[in-house]
PDB file of all heavy atoms in Angstrom:
ATOM      1  N   ARG A   1      58.923  39.109  96.587  1.00  0.00           N
ATOM      2  CA  ARG A   1      57.941  38.219  97.180  1.00  0.00           C
ATOM      3  C   ARG A   1      57.356  37.114  96.119  1.00  0.00           C
ATOM      4  O   ARG A   1      56.634  36.184  96.434  1.00  0.00           O
ATOM      5  CB  ARG A   1      56.654  38.959  97.764  1.00  0.00           C
ATOM      6  CG  ARG A   1      57.060  39.896  98.791  1.00  0.00           C
ATOM      7  CD  ARG A   1      55.999  40.779  99.428  1.00  0.00           C
ATOM      8  NE  ARG A   1      54.865  40.978  98.611  1.00  0.00           N
ATOM      9  CZ  ARG A   1      53.689  41.182  99.135  1.00  0.00           C
ATOM     10  NH1 ARG A   1      53.515  41.268 100.445  1.00  0.00           N
ATOM     11  NH2 ARG A   1      52.658  41.397  98.451  1.00  0.00           N
ATOM     12  N   TRP A   2      57.774  37.298  94.933  1.00  0.00           N
ATOM     13  CA  TRP A   2      57.191  36.510  93.816  1.00  0.00           C
ATOM     14  C   TRP A   2      58.169  35.783  92.944  1.00  0.00           C
ATOM     15  O   TRP A   2      59.321  36.367  92.868  1.00  0.00           O
ATOM     16  CB  TRP A   2      56.256  37.289  92.972  1.00  0.00           C
ATOM     17  CG  TRP A   2      55.216  38.134  93.785  1.00  0.00           C
ATOM     18  CD1 TRP A   2      55.209  39.414  94.073  1.00  0.00           C
ATOM     19  CD2 TRP A   2      54.140  37.479  94.422  1.00  0.00           C
ATOM     20  NE1 TRP A   2      54.185  39.634  94.921  1.00  0.00           N
ATOM     21  CE2 TRP A   2      53.410  38.557  95.185  1.00  0.00           C
ATOM     22  CE3 TRP A   2      53.672  36.203  94.555  1.00  0.00           C
ATOM     23  CZ2 TRP A   2      52.428  38.367  95.904  1.00  0.00           C
ATOM     24  CZ3 TRP A   2      52.521  35.982  95.321  1.00  0.00           C
ATOM     25  CH2 TRP A   2      51.920  37.002  95.943  1.00  0.00           C
ATOM     26  N   GLU A   3      57.826  34.719  92.295  1.00  0.00           N
ATOM     27  CA  GLU A   3      58.813  33.999  91.512  1.00  0.00           C
ATOM     28  C   GLU A   3      58.201  33.755  90.038  1.00  0.00           C
ATOM     29  O   GLU A   3      56.979  34.045  89.928  1.00  0.00           O
ATOM     30  CB  GLU A   3      58.924  32.540  92.134  1.00  0.00           C
ATOM     31  CG  GLU A   3      59.490  32.551  93.549  1.00  0.00           C
ATOM     32  CD  GLU A   3      60.986  32.904  93.647  1.00  0.00           C
ATOM     33  OE1 GLU A   3      61.770  32.430  92.754  1.00  0.00           O
ATOM     34  OE2 GLU A   3      61.378  33.594  94.556  1.00  0.00           O
ATOM     35  N   SER A   4      59.137  33.470  89.105  1.00  0.00           N
ATOM     36  CA  SER A   4      58.806  33.066  87.781  1.00  0.00           C
ATOM     37  C   SER A   4      59.543  31.934  87.391  1.00  0.00           C
ATOM     38  O   SER A   4      60.620  31.791  87.875  1.00  0.00           O
ATOM     39  CB  SER A   4      58.816  34.218  86.859  1.00  0.00           C
ATOM     40  OG  SER A   4      60.116  34.717  86.681  1.00  0.00           O
ATOM     41  N   VAL A   5      59.022  31.283  86.429  1.00  0.00           N
ATOM     42  CA  VAL A   5      59.900  30.224  85.673  1.00  0.00           C
ATOM     43  C   VAL A   5      59.930  30.408  84.201  1.00  0.00           C
ATOM     44  O   VAL A   5      59.069  31.135  83.700  1.00  0.00           O
ATOM     45  CB  VAL A   5      59.278  28.734  86.013  1.00  0.00           C
ATOM     46  CG1 VAL A   5      59.282  28.390  87.509  1.00  0.00           C
ATOM     47  CG2 VAL A   5      57.945  28.686  85.401  1.00  0.00           C
ATOM     48  N   LEU A   6      60.790  29.922  83.531  1.00  0.00           N
ATOM     49  CA  LEU A   6      60.812  29.875  82.000  1.00  0.00           C
ATOM     50  C   LEU A   6      60.301  28.599  81.483  1.00  0.00           C
ATOM     51  O   LEU A   6      60.621  27.425  81.920  1.00  0.00           O
ATOM     52  CB  LEU A   6      62.376  30.036  81.610  1.00  0.00           C
ATOM     53  CG  LEU A   6      62.421  30.276  80.127  1.00  0.00           C
ATOM     54  CD1 LEU A   6      61.974  31.611  79.653  1.00  0.00           C
ATOM     55  CD2 LEU A   6      63.936  30.133  79.593  1.00  0.00           C
ATOM     56  N   VAL A   7      59.306  28.688  80.632  1.00  0.00           N
ATOM     57  CA  VAL A   7      58.767  27.625  80.069  1.00  0.00           C
ATOM     58  C   VAL A   7      59.049  27.559  78.604  1.00  0.00           C
ATOM     59  O   VAL A   7      59.183  28.498  77.952  1.00  0.00           O
ATOM     60  CB  VAL A   7      57.111  27.692  80.214  1.00  0.00           C
ATOM     61  CG1 VAL A   7      56.776  27.441  81.722  1.00  0.00           C
ATOM     62  CG2 VAL A   7      56.513  28.757  79.664  1.00  0.00           C
ATOM     63  N   GLU A   8      59.134  26.260  78.014  1.00  0.00           N
ATOM     64  CA  GLU A   8      59.374  26.153  76.710  1.00  0.00           C
ATOM     65  C   GLU A   8      58.307  25.414  76.016  1.00  0.00           C
ATOM     66  O   GLU A   8      57.841  24.281  76.483  1.00  0.00           O
ATOM     67  CB  GLU A   8      60.723  25.178  76.594  1.00  0.00           C
ATOM     68  CG  GLU A   8      61.156  25.007  75.247  1.00  0.00           C
ATOM     69  CD  GLU A   8      62.626  24.453  75.167  1.00  0.00           C
ATOM     70  OE1 GLU A   8      63.299  24.194  76.207  1.00  0.00           O
ATOM     71  OE2 GLU A   8      62.936  23.968  73.986  1.00  0.00           O
ATOM     72  N   TYR A   9      57.877  25.808  74.795  1.00  0.00           N
ATOM     73  CA  TYR A   9      56.803  25.168  74.072  1.00  0.00           C
ATOM     74  C   TYR A   9      57.140  23.777  73.742  1.00  0.00           C
ATOM     75  O   TYR A   9      58.432  23.445  73.362  1.00  0.00           O
ATOM     76  CB  TYR A   9      56.658  25.848  72.741  1.00  0.00           C
ATOM     77  CG  TYR A   9      55.565  25.327  71.826  1.00  0.00           C
ATOM     78  CD1 TYR A   9      54.242  25.457  72.041  1.00  0.00           C
ATOM     79  CD2 TYR A   9      55.981  24.633  70.755  1.00  0.00           C
ATOM     80  CE1 TYR A   9      53.374  24.942  71.102  1.00  0.00           C
ATOM     81  CE2 TYR A   9      55.131  23.962  69.903  1.00  0.00           C
ATOM     82  CZ  TYR A   9      53.693  24.157  70.187  1.00  0.00           C
ATOM     83  OH  TYR A   9      52.786  23.591  69.351  1.00  0.00           O
ATOM     84  N   GLU A  10      56.273  22.842  73.751  1.00  0.00           N
ATOM     85  CA  GLU A  10      56.386  21.425  73.522  1.00  0.00           C
ATOM     86  C   GLU A  10      55.451  21.063  72.274  1.00  0.00           C
ATOM     87  O   GLU A  10      55.865  20.576  71.382  1.00  0.00           O
ATOM     88  CB  GLU A  10      56.131  20.561  74.772  1.00  0.00           C
ATOM     89  CG  GLU A  10      56.664  19.167  74.740  1.00  0.00           C
ATOM     90  CD  GLU A  10      56.581  18.392  75.992  1.00  0.00           C
ATOM     91  OE1 GLU A  10      55.437  18.011  76.392  1.00  0.00           O
ATOM     92  OE2 GLU A  10      57.664  18.239  76.798  1.00  0.00           O
ATOM     93  N   GLN A  11      54.175  21.290  72.564  1.00  0.00           N
ATOM     94  CA  GLN A  11      53.240  20.797  71.576  1.00  0.00           C
ATOM     95  C   GLN A  11      51.881  21.447  71.680  1.00  0.00           C
ATOM     96  O   GLN A  11      51.477  21.744  72.858  1.00  0.00           O
ATOM     97  CB  GLN A  11      53.085  19.232  71.523  1.00  0.00           C
ATOM     98  CG  GLN A  11      52.410  18.684  72.703  1.00  0.00           C
ATOM     99  CD  GLN A  11      52.223  17.242  72.551  1.00  0.00           C
ATOM    100  OE1 GLN A  11      52.194  16.539  71.544  1.00  0.00           O
ATOM    101  NE2 GLN A  11      52.290  16.474  73.753  1.00  0.00           N
ATOM    102  N   SER A  12      51.088  21.636  70.646  1.00  0.00           N
ATOM    103  CA  SER A  12      49.800  22.034  70.650  1.00  0.00           C
ATOM    104  C   SER A  12      48.869  20.737  70.302  1.00  0.00           C
ATOM    105  O   SER A  12      49.386  19.949  69.550  1.00  0.00           O
ATOM    106  CB  SER A  12      49.526  23.184  69.628  1.00  0.00           C
ATOM    107  OG  SER A  12      50.308  24.260  69.752  1.00  0.00           O
ATOM    108  N   PHE A  13      47.731  20.689  70.863  1.00  0.00           N
ATOM    109  CA  PHE A  13      46.809  19.637  70.549  1.00  0.00           C
ATOM    110  C   PHE A  13      45.795  20.124  69.469  1.00  0.00           C
ATOM    111  O   PHE A  13      45.453  21.272  69.451  1.00  0.00           O
ATOM    112  CB  PHE A  13      46.148  19.148  71.760  1.00  0.00           C
ATOM    113  CG  PHE A  13      46.885  18.564  72.848  1.00  0.00           C
ATOM    114  CD1 PHE A  13      46.797  19.080  74.156  1.00  0.00           C
ATOM    115  CD2 PHE A  13      47.966  17.573  72.627  1.00  0.00           C
ATOM    116  CE1 PHE A  13      47.659  18.551  75.135  1.00  0.00           C
ATOM    117  CE2 PHE A  13      48.683  17.185  73.488  1.00  0.00           C
ATOM    118  CZ  PHE A  13      48.562  17.555  74.858  1.00  0.00           C
ATOM    119  N   PRO A  14      45.390  19.252  68.561  1.00  0.00           N
ATOM    120  CA  PRO A  14      44.416  19.643  67.445  1.00  0.00           C
ATOM    121  C   PRO A  14      43.098  19.679  68.082  1.00  0.00           C
ATOM    122  O   PRO A  14      42.081  20.014  67.269  1.00  0.00           O
ATOM    123  CB  PRO A  14      44.709  18.656  66.495  1.00  0.00           C
ATOM    124  CG  PRO A  14      45.217  17.421  67.087  1.00  0.00           C
ATOM    125  CD  PRO A  14      46.011  18.008  68.277  1.00  0.00           C
ATOM    126  N   VAL A  15      42.966  19.384  69.185  1.00  0.00           N
ATOM    127  CA  VAL A  15      41.631  19.313  69.932  1.00  0.00           C
ATOM    128  C   VAL A  15      41.758  19.988  71.450  1.00  0.00           C
ATOM    129  O   VAL A  15      42.911  20.183  71.843  1.00  0.00           O
ATOM    130  CB  VAL A  15      41.008  17.990  70.111  1.00  0.00           C
ATOM    131  CG1 VAL A  15      40.755  17.218  68.821  1.00  0.00           C
ATOM    132  CG2 VAL A  15      41.900  17.066  71.133  1.00  0.00           C
ATOM    133  N   VAL A  16      40.716  20.450  71.934  1.00  0.00           N
ATOM    134  CA  VAL A  16      40.627  20.927  73.288  1.00  0.00           C
ATOM    135  C   VAL A  16      40.034  19.936  74.252  1.00  0.00           C
ATOM    136  O   VAL A  16      38.878  19.508  73.910  1.00  0.00           O
ATOM    137  CB  VAL A  16      39.983  22.239  73.361  1.00  0.00           C
ATOM    138  CG1 VAL A  16      39.816  22.899  74.921  1.00  0.00           C
ATOM    139  CG2 VAL A  16      40.502  23.311  72.458  1.00  0.00           C
ATOM    140  N   LEU A  17      40.817  19.487  75.227  1.00  0.00           N
ATOM    141  CA  LEU A  17      40.159  18.713  76.338  1.00  0.00           C
ATOM    142  C   LEU A  17      39.488  19.736  77.278  1.00  0.00           C
ATOM    143  O   LEU A  17      40.212  20.402  78.023  1.00  0.00           O
ATOM    144  CB  LEU A  17      41.185  17.831  77.060  1.00  0.00           C
ATOM    145  CG  LEU A  17      40.637  16.910  78.001  1.00  0.00           C
ATOM    146  CD1 LEU A  17      39.537  15.934  77.420  1.00  0.00           C
ATOM    147  CD2 LEU A  17      41.695  16.128  78.804  1.00  0.00           C
ATOM    148  N   THR A  18      38.210  19.903  77.119  1.00  0.00           N
ATOM    149  CA  THR A  18      37.504  21.003  77.828  1.00  0.00           C
ATOM    150  C   THR A  18      37.353  20.648  79.233  1.00  0.00           C
ATOM    151  O   THR A  18      37.270  19.486  79.701  1.00  0.00           O
ATOM    152  CB  THR A  18      36.132  21.250  77.150  1.00  0.00           C
ATOM    153  OG1 THR A  18      35.301  19.974  77.275  1.00  0.00           O
ATOM    154  CG2 THR A  18      36.257  21.358  75.569  1.00  0.00           C
ATOM    155  N   LEU A  19      37.023  21.819  80.015  1.00  0.00           N
ATOM    156  CA  LEU A  19      36.678  21.750  81.431  1.00  0.00           C
ATOM    157  C   LEU A  19      35.386  20.859  81.598  1.00  0.00           C
ATOM    158  O   LEU A  19      35.379  20.084  82.544  1.00  0.00           O
ATOM    159  CB  LEU A  19      36.524  23.148  82.060  1.00  0.00           C
ATOM    160  CG  LEU A  19      36.152  23.310  83.426  1.00  0.00           C
ATOM    161  CD1 LEU A  19      37.189  22.575  84.405  1.00  0.00           C
ATOM    162  CD2 LEU A  19      35.965  24.662  83.720  1.00  0.00           C
ATOM    163  N   LYS A  20      34.474  21.201  80.666  1.00  0.00           N
ATOM    164  CA  LYS A  20      33.194  20.411  80.678  1.00  0.00           C
ATOM    165  C   LYS A  20      33.484  18.991  80.585  1.00  0.00           C
ATOM    166  O   LYS A  20      32.976  18.051  81.516  1.00  0.00           O
ATOM    167  CB  LYS A  20      32.364  20.804  79.503  1.00  0.00           C
ATOM    168  CG  LYS A  20      30.990  20.161  79.546  1.00  0.00           C
ATOM    169  CD  LYS A  20      30.110  20.558  78.372  1.00  0.00           C
ATOM    170  CE  LYS A  20      28.782  19.795  78.318  1.00  0.00           C
ATOM    171  NZ  LYS A  20      28.011  20.079  77.147  1.00  0.00           N
ATOM    172  N   GLU A  21      34.320  18.415  79.777  1.00  0.00           N
ATOM    173  CA  GLU A  21      34.661  17.027  79.612  1.00  0.00           C
ATOM    174  C   GLU A  21      35.328  16.543  80.932  1.00  0.00           C
ATOM    175  O   GLU A  21      35.118  15.380  81.412  1.00  0.00           O
ATOM    176  CB  GLU A  21      35.626  16.790  78.409  1.00  0.00           C
ATOM    177  CG  GLU A  21      34.868  16.985  77.051  1.00  0.00           C
ATOM    178  CD  GLU A  21      35.711  17.010  75.972  1.00  0.00           C
ATOM    179  OE1 GLU A  21      36.873  17.682  75.972  1.00  0.00           O
ATOM    180  OE2 GLU A  21      35.397  16.413  74.882  1.00  0.00           O
ATOM    181  N   LEU A  22      36.246  17.338  81.541  1.00  0.00           N
ATOM    182  CA  LEU A  22      36.924  16.875  82.785  1.00  0.00           C
ATOM    183  C   LEU A  22      35.895  16.705  83.877  1.00  0.00           C
ATOM    184  O   LEU A  22      35.904  15.835  84.644  1.00  0.00           O
ATOM    185  CB  LEU A  22      37.953  17.968  83.145  1.00  0.00           C
ATOM    186  CG  LEU A  22      39.068  17.905  82.181  1.00  0.00           C
ATOM    187  CD1 LEU A  22      40.032  19.214  82.581  1.00  0.00           C
ATOM    188  CD2 LEU A  22      40.011  16.772  82.067  1.00  0.00           C
ATOM    189  N   LYS A  23      34.884  17.748  83.889  1.00  0.00           N
ATOM    190  CA  LYS A  23      33.905  17.544  84.948  1.00  0.00           C
ATOM    191  C   LYS A  23      32.990  16.485  84.723  1.00  0.00           C
ATOM    192  O   LYS A  23      32.553  15.733  85.739  1.00  0.00           O
ATOM    193  CB  LYS A  23      33.035  18.901  85.146  1.00  0.00           C
ATOM    194  CG  LYS A  23      33.869  20.124  85.619  1.00  0.00           C
ATOM    195  CD  LYS A  23      33.025  21.359  85.588  1.00  0.00           C
ATOM    196  CE  LYS A  23      33.688  22.584  86.299  1.00  0.00           C
ATOM    197  NZ  LYS A  23      32.819  23.681  86.262  1.00  0.00           N
ATOM    198  N   GLU A  24      32.650  16.072  83.489  1.00  0.00           N
ATOM    199  CA  GLU A  24      31.969  14.881  83.208  1.00  0.00           C
ATOM    200  C   GLU A  24      32.622  13.676  83.597  1.00  0.00           C
ATOM    201  O   GLU A  24      31.974  12.705  84.174  1.00  0.00           O
ATOM    202  CB  GLU A  24      31.476  14.891  81.688  1.00  0.00           C
ATOM    203  CG  GLU A  24      30.527  15.886  81.239  1.00  0.00           C
ATOM    204  CD  GLU A  24      30.305  15.964  79.882  1.00  0.00           C
ATOM    205  OE1 GLU A  24      30.991  15.314  79.005  1.00  0.00           O
ATOM    206  OE2 GLU A  24      29.464  16.869  79.378  1.00  0.00           O
ATOM    207  N   ALA A  25      33.869  13.590  83.362  1.00  0.00           N
ATOM    208  CA  ALA A  25      34.723  12.416  83.678  1.00  0.00           C
ATOM    209  C   ALA A  25      34.737  12.352  85.126  1.00  0.00           C
ATOM    210  O   ALA A  25      34.774  11.119  85.755  1.00  0.00           O
ATOM    211  CB  ALA A  25      36.140  12.509  83.110  1.00  0.00           C
ATOM    212  N   ALA A  26      34.771  13.405  85.999  1.00  0.00           N
ATOM    213  CA  ALA A  26      34.910  13.383  87.408  1.00  0.00           C
ATOM    214  C   ALA A  26      33.508  12.919  87.947  1.00  0.00           C
ATOM    215  O   ALA A  26      33.481  12.100  88.948  1.00  0.00           O
ATOM    216  CB  ALA A  26      35.310  14.743  87.921  1.00  0.00           C
ATOM    217  N   SER A  27      32.434  13.361  87.410  1.00  0.00           N
ATOM    218  CA  SER A  27      31.205  12.885  87.943  1.00  0.00           C
ATOM    219  C   SER A  27      30.828  11.630  87.706  1.00  0.00           C
ATOM    220  O   SER A  27      30.216  10.954  88.535  1.00  0.00           O
ATOM    221  CB  SER A  27      30.124  13.865  87.304  1.00  0.00           C
ATOM    222  OG  SER A  27      29.882  13.600  85.904  1.00  0.00           O
ATOM    223  N   LYS A  28      31.517  11.004  86.636  1.00  0.00           N
ATOM    224  CA  LYS A  28      31.322   9.526  86.325  1.00  0.00           C
ATOM    225  C   LYS A  28      32.021   8.608  87.282  1.00  0.00           C
ATOM    226  O   LYS A  28      31.649   7.414  87.569  1.00  0.00           O
ATOM    227  CB  LYS A  28      31.581   9.124  84.864  1.00  0.00           C
ATOM    228  CG  LYS A  28      30.702   9.683  83.872  1.00  0.00           C
ATOM    229  CD  LYS A  28      31.195   9.401  82.473  1.00  0.00           C
ATOM    230  CE  LYS A  28      30.232  10.021  81.464  1.00  0.00           C
ATOM    231  NZ  LYS A  28      30.846   9.912  80.078  1.00  0.00           N
ATOM    232  N   ASP A  29      33.025   9.129  87.800  1.00  0.00           N
ATOM    233  CA  ASP A  29      33.914   8.433  88.676  1.00  0.00           C
ATOM    234  C   ASP A  29      34.421   9.330  89.837  1.00  0.00           C
ATOM    235  O   ASP A  29      35.505   9.756  89.899  1.00  0.00           O
ATOM    236  CB  ASP A  29      35.118   7.852  87.949  1.00  0.00           C
ATOM    237  CG  ASP A  29      36.024   6.985  88.817  1.00  0.00           C
ATOM    238  OD1 ASP A  29      35.613   6.586  90.005  1.00  0.00           O
ATOM    239  OD2 ASP A  29      37.099   6.444  88.317  1.00  0.00           O
ATOM    240  N   PRO A  30      33.546   9.543  90.879  1.00  0.00           N
ATOM    241  CA  PRO A  30      33.775  10.538  91.989  1.00  0.00           C
ATOM    242  C   PRO A  30      35.020  10.239  92.771  1.00  0.00           C
ATOM    243  O   PRO A  30      35.566  11.208  93.285  1.00  0.00           O
ATOM    244  CB  PRO A  30      32.567  10.552  92.773  1.00  0.00           C
ATOM    245  CG  PRO A  30      31.422   9.766  91.953  1.00  0.00           C
ATOM    246  CD  PRO A  30      32.255   9.017  91.012  1.00  0.00           C
ATOM    247  N   ASP A  31      35.495   9.122  92.816  1.00  0.00           N
ATOM    248  CA  ASP A  31      36.685   8.778  93.397  1.00  0.00           C
ATOM    249  C   ASP A  31      37.929   8.560  92.701  1.00  0.00           C
ATOM    250  O   ASP A  31      39.003   8.127  93.110  1.00  0.00           O
ATOM    251  CB  ASP A  31      36.531   7.460  94.444  1.00  0.00           C
ATOM    252  CG  ASP A  31      35.443   7.739  95.456  1.00  0.00           C
ATOM    253  OD1 ASP A  31      35.351   8.826  95.974  1.00  0.00           O
ATOM    254  OD2 ASP A  31      34.491   6.812  95.529  1.00  0.00           O
ATOM    255  N   GLY A  32      37.838   8.799  91.351  1.00  0.00           N
ATOM    256  CA  GLY A  32      38.745   8.529  90.364  1.00  0.00           C
ATOM    257  C   GLY A  32      39.933   9.613  90.292  1.00  0.00           C
ATOM    258  O   GLY A  32      39.887  10.639  90.895  1.00  0.00           O
ATOM    259  N   VAL A  33      40.804   9.322  89.357  1.00  0.00           N
ATOM    260  CA  VAL A  33      41.961  10.100  89.134  1.00  0.00           C
ATOM    261  C   VAL A  33      41.487  11.568  88.785  1.00  0.00           C
ATOM    262  O   VAL A  33      42.119  12.523  89.236  1.00  0.00           O
ATOM    263  CB  VAL A  33      42.889   9.458  87.980  1.00  0.00           C
ATOM    264  CG1 VAL A  33      44.010  10.421  87.644  1.00  0.00           C
ATOM    265  CG2 VAL A  33      43.440   8.194  88.667  1.00  0.00           C
ATOM    266  N   ILE A  34      40.610  11.691  87.855  1.00  0.00           N
ATOM    267  CA  ILE A  34      40.150  12.953  87.364  1.00  0.00           C
ATOM    268  C   ILE A  34      39.384  13.746  88.323  1.00  0.00           C
ATOM    269  O   ILE A  34      39.658  14.969  88.565  1.00  0.00           O
ATOM    270  CB  ILE A  34      39.311  12.834  86.002  1.00  0.00           C
ATOM    271  CG1 ILE A  34      40.194  12.070  84.877  1.00  0.00           C
ATOM    272  CG2 ILE A  34      38.841  14.157  85.499  1.00  0.00           C
ATOM    273  CD1 ILE A  34      41.430  12.837  84.547  1.00  0.00           C
ATOM    274  N   ALA A  35      38.654  13.226  89.151  1.00  0.00           N
ATOM    275  CA  ALA A  35      37.844  13.744  90.204  1.00  0.00           C
ATOM    276  C   ALA A  35      38.843  14.465  91.202  1.00  0.00           C
ATOM    277  O   ALA A  35      38.367  15.438  91.874  1.00  0.00           O
ATOM    278  CB  ALA A  35      36.854  12.753  90.900  1.00  0.00           C
ATOM    279  N   ASN A  36      40.009  13.948  91.332  1.00  0.00           N
ATOM    280  CA  ASN A  36      40.936  14.445  92.299  1.00  0.00           C
ATOM    281  C   ASN A  36      41.920  15.497  91.725  1.00  0.00           C
ATOM    282  O   ASN A  36      42.901  15.869  92.334  1.00  0.00           O
ATOM    283  CB  ASN A  36      41.755  13.353  92.923  1.00  0.00           C
ATOM    284  CG  ASN A  36      40.833  12.618  93.979  1.00  0.00           C
ATOM    285  OD1 ASN A  36      40.143  13.236  94.733  1.00  0.00           O
ATOM    286  ND2 ASN A  36      40.876  11.252  93.779  1.00  0.00           N
ATOM    287  N   LEU A  37      41.536  16.028  90.436  1.00  0.00           N
ATOM    288  CA  LEU A  37      42.426  17.029  89.895  1.00  0.00           C
ATOM    289  C   LEU A  37      42.352  18.447  90.732  1.00  0.00           C
ATOM    290  O   LEU A  37      41.339  18.810  91.048  1.00  0.00           O
ATOM    291  CB  LEU A  37      42.028  17.369  88.466  1.00  0.00           C
ATOM    292  CG  LEU A  37      42.489  16.493  87.310  1.00  0.00           C
ATOM    293  CD1 LEU A  37      41.762  16.779  85.985  1.00  0.00           C
ATOM    294  CD2 LEU A  37      43.871  16.589  87.124  1.00  0.00           C
ATOM    295  N   ALA A  38      43.527  18.904  90.941  1.00  0.00           N
ATOM    296  CA  ALA A  38      43.483  20.154  91.743  1.00  0.00           C
ATOM    297  C   ALA A  38      42.825  21.226  90.945  1.00  0.00           C
ATOM    298  O   ALA A  38      42.246  22.237  91.419  1.00  0.00           O
ATOM    299  CB  ALA A  38      44.906  20.615  91.901  1.00  0.00           C
ATOM    300  N   LEU A  39      42.811  21.217  89.648  1.00  0.00           N
ATOM    301  CA  LEU A  39      42.105  22.025  88.641  1.00  0.00           C
ATOM    302  C   LEU A  39      40.616  22.183  89.095  1.00  0.00           C
ATOM    303  O   LEU A  39      40.056  23.214  89.036  1.00  0.00           O
ATOM    304  CB  LEU A  39      42.349  21.674  87.233  1.00  0.00           C
ATOM    305  CG  LEU A  39      41.384  22.404  86.189  1.00  0.00           C
ATOM    306  CD1 LEU A  39      41.782  23.807  86.029  1.00  0.00           C
ATOM    307  CD2 LEU A  39      41.457  21.577  84.902  1.00  0.00           C
ATOM    308  N   LEU A  40      40.117  20.960  89.373  1.00  0.00           N
ATOM    309  CA  LEU A  40      38.635  20.948  89.723  1.00  0.00           C
ATOM    310  C   LEU A  40      38.337  21.239  91.196  1.00  0.00           C
ATOM    311  O   LEU A  40      37.275  21.751  91.474  1.00  0.00           O
ATOM    312  CB  LEU A  40      38.103  19.525  89.465  1.00  0.00           C
ATOM    313  CG  LEU A  40      38.173  19.151  87.937  1.00  0.00           C
ATOM    314  CD1 LEU A  40      37.709  17.670  87.842  1.00  0.00           C
ATOM    315  CD2 LEU A  40      37.405  20.049  87.011  1.00  0.00           C
ATOM    316  N   LYS A  41      39.312  21.130  92.061  1.00  0.00           N
ATOM    317  CA  LYS A  41      39.171  21.387  93.485  1.00  0.00           C
ATOM    318  C   LYS A  41      39.575  22.801  93.866  1.00  0.00           C
ATOM    319  O   LYS A  41      39.123  23.324  94.758  1.00  0.00           O
ATOM    320  CB  LYS A  41      39.924  20.474  94.315  1.00  0.00           C
ATOM    321  CG  LYS A  41      39.430  18.996  94.192  1.00  0.00           C
ATOM    322  CD  LYS A  41      40.074  17.950  95.045  1.00  0.00           C
ATOM    323  CE  LYS A  41      39.631  16.540  94.954  1.00  0.00           C
ATOM    324  NZ  LYS A  41      38.256  16.517  95.454  1.00  0.00           N
ATOM    325  N   GLN A  42      40.531  23.385  93.163  1.00  0.00           N
ATOM    326  CA  GLN A  42      41.110  24.730  93.428  1.00  0.00           C
ATOM    327  C   GLN A  42      40.960  25.478  92.064  1.00  0.00           C
ATOM    328  O   GLN A  42      42.056  25.923  91.498  1.00  0.00           O
ATOM    329  CB  GLN A  42      42.474  24.732  94.065  1.00  0.00           C
ATOM    330  CG  GLN A  42      42.487  23.918  95.328  1.00  0.00           C
ATOM    331  CD  GLN A  42      43.998  23.864  95.826  1.00  0.00           C
ATOM    332  OE1 GLN A  42      44.768  23.309  95.125  1.00  0.00           O
ATOM    333  NE2 GLN A  42      44.246  24.251  96.916  1.00  0.00           N
TER     334      GLN A  42
END
């Protein structure tokens, strides 16, 4: 009933783009690209 995929490392970022920053960007532009992220909606 379940699936898996194989993922390959690409890169690490020297910073974290935080959930808080994403929520702030979404609140500044409620109809924008970030506000419609599935991460924020689901």
